């Protein structure tokens, strides 16, 4: 019994510095309560506006891409829950370009911990939980309003979809961060894949032309975070390139994105020449 206990103690000791940093960031955000409340309310409004966009479209067009308004609620809930929670975890990697330009990234290289893990645990955006709350509420309404044949399979699929969806979007953020070592001022380009991917995930992929189906179904497979699982949960067949049964392949889609992310991060960090400050 000594070895498992020692392993747990060692693991806890290894992660202690990261937890200390996260706790300090959480406390710092709550010091100025009015500012924090304003930021939370702003994030909540952003979530509402994004939902309003989808609601307006499906309220005026009864069916789009084979989905009705109730199915759109499920689609939005799955995609935005995954994206919003990934934003809470790693969304602050967006600040990497400014850290590279100012040379503040060099300080992270002086510490004997993995660079990516340091950056991920260097901050946490609590305000983005408000956006996630909107998505979770819509997801709950979507699950309630749709006629789903409940059983072990649908519940398992929903859990797999959410976990894999969060992992997939986290991988996109890491991939975008890795590219910043080359682009530096190309945040708008990488945002087209992260935030643009989030927008694409909220749409029925069946309405996309074939090139976009290939892009968002295989190259950047955000269609697996919500659209394909929605088809599977509702018993719809789906288009030829994205059949409903492929919803169970969502973990493979997330693994593919993380393979790209690991390659982009490794090549990017090796390319980095430091700020020289």
Protein backbone atom coordinates (compact mmCIF):
# COMPACT_ATOMS: atom_id res chain seq x y z
CA UNK A 1 0.00 0.00 0.00
CA UNK A 2 3.01 2.28 0.40
CA UNK A 3 3.68 2.62 -3.32
CA UNK A 4 0.17 3.87 -4.32
CA UNK A 5 0.17 6.32 -1.41
CA UNK A 6 3.61 7.59 -2.42
CA UNK A 7 2.44 7.96 -6.03
CA UNK A 8 -0.60 10.01 -4.94
CA UNK A 9 1.54 12.24 -2.74
CA UNK A 10 4.07 12.74 -5.54
CA UNK A 11 1.33 13.58 -8.04
CA UNK A 12 -0.23 16.04 -5.60
CA UNK A 13 3.11 17.67 -4.93
CA UNK A 14 3.86 17.92 -8.65
CA UNK A 15 0.56 19.72 -9.39
CA UNK A 16 0.58 21.93 -6.28
CA UNK A 17 2.27 24.94 -7.97
CA UNK A 18 -0.32 24.93 -10.76
CA UNK A 19 -3.21 24.78 -8.29
CA UNK A 20 -1.70 27.65 -6.31
CA UNK A 21 -1.56 29.81 -9.44
CA UNK A 22 -5.13 28.96 -10.37
CA UNK A 23 -6.39 29.78 -6.87
CA UNK A 24 -4.62 33.13 -6.98
CA UNK A 25 -6.23 33.94 -10.35
CA UNK A 26 -9.68 33.01 -9.07
CA UNK A 27 -9.28 35.22 -5.99
CA UNK A 28 -7.87 38.09 -8.06
CA UNK A 29 -10.93 38.11 -10.33
CA UNK A 30 -13.26 38.37 -7.34
CA UNK A 31 -11.49 41.26 -5.60
CA UNK A 32 -13.25 43.96 -7.63
CA UNK A 33 -16.78 42.64 -7.34
CA UNK A 34 -18.53 45.23 -9.50
CA UNK A 35 -16.06 44.71 -12.34
CA UNK A 36 -16.36 40.94 -12.01
CA UNK A 37 -20.16 41.12 -12.00
CA UNK A 38 -20.08 43.32 -15.10
CA UNK A 39 -17.83 40.89 -16.93
CA UNK A 40 -20.03 37.94 -15.97
CA UNK A 41 -23.14 39.78 -17.16
CA UNK A 42 -21.40 40.70 -20.43
CA UNK A 43 -20.45 37.07 -21.04
CA UNK A 44 -24.04 36.05 -20.28
CA UNK A 45 -25.30 38.55 -22.86
CA UNK A 46 -22.87 37.19 -25.44
CA UNK A 47 -24.30 33.72 -24.89
CA UNK A 48 -27.84 35.07 -25.26
CA UNK A 49 -26.99 36.93 -28.47
CA UNK A 50 -25.44 33.82 -29.99
CA UNK A 51 -28.54 31.84 -29.10
CA UNK A 52 -30.76 34.60 -30.48
CA UNK A 53 -29.00 34.33 -33.85
CA UNK A 54 -29.85 30.64 -34.10
CA UNK A 55 -33.38 31.19 -32.78
CA UNK A 56 -34.14 33.91 -35.36
CA UNK A 57 -32.94 31.71 -38.22
CA UNK A 58 -34.96 28.66 -37.23
CA UNK A 59 -37.97 30.70 -36.14
CA UNK A 60 -38.30 32.08 -39.67
CA UNK A 61 -37.17 28.96 -41.53
CA UNK A 62 -39.08 26.01 -40.11
CA UNK A 63 -36.58 23.45 -41.38
CA UNK A 64 -32.93 23.94 -42.25
CA UNK A 65 -30.67 21.12 -43.27
CA UNK A 66 -33.24 18.59 -42.10
CA UNK A 67 -33.47 20.08 -38.59
CA UNK A 68 -36.36 21.94 -37.00
CA UNK A 69 -36.21 24.50 -34.19
CA UNK A 70 -36.24 21.84 -31.44
CA UNK A 71 -33.33 20.03 -33.04
CA UNK A 72 -31.56 23.38 -33.38
CA UNK A 73 -31.80 23.81 -29.58
CA UNK A 74 -30.02 20.48 -29.12
CA UNK A 75 -27.44 21.40 -31.77
CA UNK A 76 -26.72 24.77 -30.17
CA UNK A 77 -26.61 23.34 -26.65
CA UNK A 78 -24.11 20.61 -27.48
CA UNK A 79 -21.79 22.82 -29.55
CA UNK A 80 -21.80 25.88 -27.31
CA UNK A 81 -21.48 23.92 -24.06
CA UNK A 82 -18.34 22.25 -25.37
CA UNK A 83 -16.89 25.46 -26.76
CA UNK A 84 -17.70 27.64 -23.74
CA UNK A 85 -16.18 25.17 -21.27
CA UNK A 86 -13.06 24.85 -23.43
CA UNK A 87 -12.84 28.64 -23.38
CA UNK A 88 -12.91 28.60 -19.59
CA UNK A 89 -10.04 26.11 -19.54
CA UNK A 90 -7.72 27.33 -22.31
CA UNK A 91 -9.31 30.37 -23.94
CA UNK A 92 -6.68 32.66 -22.41
CA UNK A 93 -4.11 31.17 -24.82
CA UNK A 94 -5.39 33.92 -27.12
CA UNK A 95 -3.02 36.26 -25.26
CA UNK A 96 0.06 34.33 -26.45
CA UNK A 97 0.81 36.69 -29.39
CA UNK A 98 1.17 39.69 -27.05
CA UNK A 99 3.35 37.63 -24.71
CA UNK A 100 5.62 36.74 -27.62
CA UNK A 101 5.85 40.35 -28.80
CA UNK A 102 6.57 41.73 -25.32
CA UNK A 103 9.00 38.95 -24.40
CA UNK A 104 7.08 38.00 -21.26
CA UNK A 105 6.91 34.41 -22.48
CA UNK A 106 10.62 34.08 -21.68
CA UNK A 107 9.86 33.98 -17.95
CA UNK A 108 7.93 30.74 -18.42
CA UNK A 109 10.97 29.10 -19.98
CA UNK A 110 12.94 29.69 -16.78
CA UNK A 111 10.68 27.41 -14.75
CA UNK A 112 11.23 23.64 -14.70
CA UNK A 113 7.68 22.82 -15.77
CA UNK A 114 6.15 22.12 -19.20
CA UNK A 115 5.49 25.39 -21.02
CA UNK A 116 2.00 24.50 -22.24
CA UNK A 117 0.85 23.35 -18.80
CA UNK A 118 2.19 26.57 -17.29
CA UNK A 119 0.27 28.69 -19.79
CA UNK A 120 -2.95 26.70 -19.42
CA UNK A 121 -2.88 26.98 -15.61
CA UNK A 122 -1.67 30.60 -15.63
CA UNK A 123 -5.23 31.92 -15.75
CA UNK A 124 -8.87 30.90 -15.75
CA UNK A 125 -11.76 32.99 -17.05
CA UNK A 126 -14.59 32.60 -14.57
CA UNK A 127 -16.73 35.10 -16.44
CA UNK A 128 -16.97 32.65 -19.34
CA UNK A 129 -18.90 30.28 -17.10
CA UNK A 130 -21.89 32.59 -17.66
CA UNK A 131 -21.73 31.88 -21.38
CA UNK A 132 -21.49 28.18 -20.61
CA UNK A 133 -24.55 28.48 -18.35
CA UNK A 134 -26.64 29.76 -21.28
CA UNK A 135 -25.50 26.81 -23.40
CA UNK A 136 -26.25 24.28 -20.65
CA UNK A 137 -29.76 25.70 -20.17
CA UNK A 138 -30.44 25.53 -23.91
CA UNK A 139 -29.06 21.98 -23.99
CA UNK A 140 -31.42 20.97 -21.19
CA UNK A 141 -34.39 22.49 -23.05
CA UNK A 142 -33.28 20.76 -26.25
CA UNK A 143 -33.09 17.37 -24.55
CA UNK A 144 -36.54 17.94 -23.03
CA UNK A 145 -38.31 19.13 -26.19
CA UNK A 146 -36.95 16.50 -28.58
CA UNK A 147 -38.34 12.99 -28.85
CA UNK A 148 -35.28 10.98 -27.83
CA UNK A 149 -35.50 7.24 -27.26
CA UNK A 150 -33.82 7.34 -23.84
CA UNK A 151 -31.64 4.49 -22.74
CA UNK A 152 -28.01 3.68 -22.00
CA UNK A 153 -26.87 4.42 -25.56
CA UNK A 154 -28.20 8.03 -25.79
CA UNK A 155 -26.91 8.95 -22.32
CA UNK A 156 -23.50 7.45 -23.14
CA UNK A 157 -23.42 9.29 -26.46
CA UNK A 158 -24.21 12.63 -24.80
CA UNK A 159 -21.45 12.17 -22.22
CA UNK A 160 -18.93 11.09 -24.87
CA UNK A 161 -19.95 13.99 -27.10
CA UNK A 162 -19.53 16.63 -24.40
CA UNK A 163 -16.19 15.31 -23.14
CA UNK A 164 -14.83 14.83 -26.66
CA UNK A 165 -16.24 18.19 -27.80
CA UNK A 166 -14.49 20.04 -24.96
CA UNK A 167 -11.26 18.18 -25.75
CA UNK A 168 -11.60 18.96 -29.46
CA UNK A 169 -12.08 22.69 -28.96
CA UNK A 170 -9.24 22.77 -26.41
CA UNK A 171 -7.08 21.17 -29.08
CA UNK A 172 -8.06 23.87 -31.57
CA UNK A 173 -6.99 26.58 -29.10
CA UNK A 174 -3.64 24.85 -28.55
CA UNK A 175 -3.17 24.41 -32.29
CA UNK A 176 -3.90 28.11 -32.84
CA UNK A 177 -1.44 29.01 -30.08
CA UNK A 178 1.27 26.89 -31.70
CA UNK A 179 0.79 28.70 -35.00
CA UNK A 180 1.26 32.07 -33.27
CA UNK A 181 4.98 31.37 -32.92
CA UNK A 182 5.14 31.81 -36.68
CA UNK A 183 2.32 34.30 -37.29
CA UNK A 184 2.62 36.47 -34.13
CA UNK A 185 0.16 39.06 -35.48
CA UNK A 186 -2.05 36.47 -37.14
CA UNK A 187 -4.60 36.05 -34.36
CA UNK A 188 -7.41 36.90 -36.79
CA UNK A 189 -6.35 34.02 -39.02
CA UNK A 190 -6.26 31.46 -36.22
CA UNK A 191 -9.52 32.82 -34.75
CA UNK A 192 -11.19 31.81 -38.00
CA UNK A 193 -10.53 28.20 -37.01
CA UNK A 194 -11.31 28.48 -33.28
CA UNK A 195 -14.22 30.93 -33.07
CA UNK A 196 -15.14 30.26 -36.70
CA UNK A 197 -15.15 26.57 -35.90
CA UNK A 198 -17.50 27.24 -33.01
CA UNK A 199 -19.88 29.08 -35.33
CA UNK A 200 -19.70 26.26 -37.89
CA UNK A 201 -20.44 23.71 -35.16
CA UNK A 202 -23.78 25.47 -34.47
CA UNK A 203 -24.92 25.02 -38.08
CA UNK A 204 -26.42 21.95 -39.79
CA UNK A 205 -23.44 20.68 -41.77
CA UNK A 206 -25.77 19.30 -44.45
CA UNK A 207 -26.29 22.84 -45.80
CA UNK A 208 -22.56 23.30 -46.39
CA UNK A 209 -21.11 22.79 -49.87
CA UNK A 210 -18.84 19.76 -50.23
CA UNK A 211 -15.57 21.66 -49.63
CA UNK A 212 -16.88 23.00 -46.29
CA UNK A 213 -18.22 19.56 -45.37
CA UNK A 214 -14.70 18.20 -45.86
CA UNK A 215 -13.18 21.10 -43.91
CA UNK A 216 -15.48 21.04 -40.88
CA UNK A 217 -16.17 17.32 -41.05
CA UNK A 218 -12.64 15.95 -41.41
CA UNK A 219 -9.84 18.55 -41.46
CA UNK A 220 -11.25 20.56 -38.53
CA UNK A 221 -13.98 18.13 -37.47
CA UNK A 222 -16.23 20.45 -35.45
CA UNK A 223 -19.29 18.79 -37.01
CA UNK A 224 -18.66 15.90 -34.60
CA UNK A 225 -19.11 18.15 -31.56
CA UNK A 226 -22.85 18.63 -32.11
CA UNK A 227 -24.29 18.10 -35.59
CA UNK A 228 -23.55 14.40 -36.06
CA UNK A 229 -24.47 13.52 -32.42
CA UNK A 230 -27.74 15.44 -32.87
CA UNK A 231 -28.56 13.29 -35.89
CA UNK A 232 -27.81 10.13 -33.90
CA UNK A 233 -29.88 11.21 -30.89
CA UNK A 234 -32.88 12.09 -33.06
CA UNK A 235 -32.60 9.03 -35.29
CA UNK A 236 -31.97 11.03 -38.48
CA UNK A 237 -29.85 9.54 -41.29
CA UNK A 238 -27.57 12.47 -42.08
CA UNK A 239 -25.74 13.35 -45.32
CA UNK A 240 -23.52 10.77 -47.11
CA UNK A 241 -20.24 12.19 -45.79
CA UNK A 242 -21.49 12.49 -42.21
CA UNK A 243 -23.85 9.60 -41.38
CA UNK A 244 -25.46 9.50 -37.95
CA UNK A 245 -23.58 6.37 -36.81
CA UNK A 246 -20.28 8.31 -37.06
CA UNK A 247 -21.29 10.23 -33.90
CA UNK A 248 -19.55 7.46 -31.95
CA UNK A 249 -16.30 8.47 -33.66
CA UNK A 250 -16.21 11.85 -31.92
CA UNK A 251 -13.31 10.77 -29.63
CA UNK A 252 -11.29 9.96 -32.77
CA UNK A 253 -12.06 13.43 -34.12
CA UNK A 254 -10.80 14.95 -30.86
CA UNK A 255 -7.68 12.75 -31.01
CA UNK A 256 -7.01 13.94 -34.57
CA UNK A 257 -7.23 17.60 -33.53
CA UNK A 258 -4.87 16.98 -30.60
CA UNK A 259 -2.42 15.26 -32.95
CA UNK A 260 -2.40 18.44 -35.04
CA UNK A 261 -2.18 20.57 -31.89
CA UNK A 262 0.77 18.62 -30.51
CA UNK A 263 2.62 18.94 -33.81
CA UNK A 264 1.87 22.66 -34.13
CA UNK A 265 2.92 23.33 -30.52
CA UNK A 266 6.11 21.30 -30.76
CA UNK A 267 7.20 22.89 -34.04
CA UNK A 268 6.19 26.35 -32.82
CA UNK A 269 8.08 26.19 -29.53
CA UNK A 270 11.17 24.89 -31.32
CA UNK A 271 10.92 27.81 -33.73
CA UNK A 272 10.67 30.38 -30.91
CA UNK A 273 13.86 32.46 -30.57
CA UNK A 274 12.93 34.28 -27.29
CA UNK A 275 12.40 37.98 -26.85
CA UNK A 276 15.95 38.77 -25.85
CA UNK A 277 14.80 41.02 -23.02
